[in-house]
């Protein structure tokens, strides 16, 4: 699989996972799937996009990471680093959205 295909698939899966993590709890409190999806896209979309962008930038800047295998230590170090950096990058977005009342506090 090419690096471009792997990147596109990983970004799409990141968005799907992020949306599902937001939609499922809303559906448990009787939101319709349409209303839950709309709510999550508005509240979580920018945060997910920022996190995915910074994860991708991190993965692209670590030499050899995009060709590393699951059994390589570099793969796991790179994935952990990209998750941490993506999380930190999304924090200010989440903070502003909570302050403006777009997102709720847990």
Protein backbone atom coordinates (compact mmCIF):
# COMPACT_ATOMS: atom_id res chain seq x y z
CA UNK A 1 0.00 0.00 0.00
CA UNK A 2 1.37 3.41 -0.90
CA UNK A 3 2.11 6.04 1.73
CA UNK A 4 -0.62 8.28 0.30
CA UNK A 5 -3.24 5.51 0.49
CA UNK A 6 -2.19 4.61 4.03
CA UNK A 7 -2.38 8.28 5.04
CA UNK A 8 -5.86 8.75 3.57
CA UNK A 9 -7.15 5.56 5.20
CA UNK A 10 -5.68 6.47 8.60
CA UNK A 11 -7.18 9.98 8.52
CA UNK A 12 -10.59 8.63 7.52
CA UNK A 13 -10.47 5.99 10.25
CA UNK A 14 -9.44 8.67 12.75
CA UNK A 15 -12.48 10.76 11.83
CA UNK A 16 -14.81 7.75 11.93
CA UNK A 17 -13.50 6.66 15.34
CA UNK A 18 -13.75 10.19 16.72
CA UNK A 19 -17.29 10.61 15.44
CA UNK A 20 -18.37 7.20 16.76
CA UNK A 21 -16.97 7.99 20.20
CA UNK A 22 -19.19 11.08 20.24
CA UNK A 23 -22.29 9.59 18.60
CA UNK A 24 -22.69 6.41 20.68
CA UNK A 25 -23.25 8.14 24.05
CA UNK A 26 -25.79 10.50 22.46
CA UNK A 27 -27.71 7.60 20.97
CA UNK A 28 -27.88 6.02 24.43
CA UNK A 29 -29.83 9.08 25.59
CA UNK A 30 -32.31 8.76 22.69
CA UNK A 31 -30.79 11.05 20.06
CA UNK A 32 -31.60 9.96 16.51
CA UNK A 33 -28.54 9.02 14.48
CA UNK A 34 -29.00 12.14 12.33
CA UNK A 35 -29.23 14.50 15.29
CA UNK A 36 -26.33 12.76 17.05
CA UNK A 37 -24.14 12.99 13.93
CA UNK A 38 -24.96 16.67 13.42
CA UNK A 39 -24.26 17.45 17.08
CA UNK A 40 -20.94 15.61 17.07
CA UNK A 41 -19.76 17.10 13.78
CA UNK A 42 -20.43 20.60 15.10
CA UNK A 43 -18.95 19.98 18.55
CA UNK A 44 -16.08 17.63 17.68
CA UNK A 45 -15.26 18.16 14.00
CA UNK A 46 -12.68 20.93 14.38
CA UNK A 47 -11.02 19.19 17.31
CA UNK A 48 -10.76 15.93 15.37
CA UNK A 49 -9.41 17.76 12.31
CA UNK A 50 -6.71 19.53 14.34
CA UNK A 51 -5.72 16.31 16.10
CA UNK A 52 -5.55 14.38 12.81
CA UNK A 53 -3.50 17.15 11.15
CA UNK A 54 -0.90 17.24 13.92
CA UNK A 55 -0.74 13.45 14.10
CA UNK A 56 -0.11 13.34 10.35
CA UNK A 57 2.56 16.08 10.50
CA UNK A 58 4.30 14.21 13.32
CA UNK A 59 4.20 10.91 11.45
CA UNK A 60 5.58 12.51 8.29
CA UNK A 61 8.47 14.16 10.13
CA UNK A 62 9.75 11.06 11.93
CA UNK A 63 12.27 9.45 9.55
CA UNK A 64 11.33 5.90 8.59
CA UNK A 65 8.00 5.84 10.40
CA UNK A 66 5.85 5.57 7.28
CA UNK A 67 7.62 2.36 6.25
CA UNK A 68 7.95 0.87 9.74
CA UNK A 69 6.15 -2.39 10.45
CA UNK A 70 3.95 -3.29 13.44
CA UNK A 71 6.84 -5.30 14.88
CA UNK A 72 9.24 -2.32 14.77
CA UNK A 73 9.78 -0.26 17.91
CA UNK A 74 9.91 2.86 15.73
CA UNK A 75 6.31 2.26 14.65
CA UNK A 76 5.01 2.23 18.23
CA UNK A 77 7.20 5.14 19.33
CA UNK A 78 5.96 7.18 16.37
CA UNK A 79 2.31 6.35 16.98
CA UNK A 80 2.58 7.26 20.65
CA UNK A 81 4.39 10.51 19.82
CA UNK A 82 1.82 11.46 17.19
CA UNK A 83 -1.09 10.76 19.56
CA UNK A 84 0.47 12.88 22.30
CA UNK A 85 1.20 15.76 19.93
CA UNK A 86 -2.25 15.54 18.36
CA UNK A 87 -3.88 15.58 21.79
CA UNK A 88 -1.86 18.60 22.91
CA UNK A 89 -2.63 20.45 19.66
CA UNK A 90 -6.37 19.86 20.08
CA UNK A 91 -6.48 21.06 23.70
CA UNK A 92 -6.68 24.80 22.88
CA UNK A 93 -9.43 24.11 20.32
CA UNK A 94 -11.45 22.19 22.91
CA UNK A 95 -10.84 24.87 25.53
CA UNK A 96 -12.13 27.65 23.26
CA UNK A 97 -15.14 25.60 22.18
CA UNK A 98 -16.07 24.87 25.80
CA UNK A 99 -15.66 28.56 26.73
CA UNK A 100 -17.95 29.57 23.85
CA UNK A 101 -20.54 26.96 24.86
CA UNK A 102 -20.15 24.93 21.65
CA UNK A 103 -18.97 21.88 23.60
CA UNK A 104 -19.94 20.72 27.03
CA UNK A 105 -17.66 19.94 29.92
CA UNK A 106 -17.41 16.37 31.15
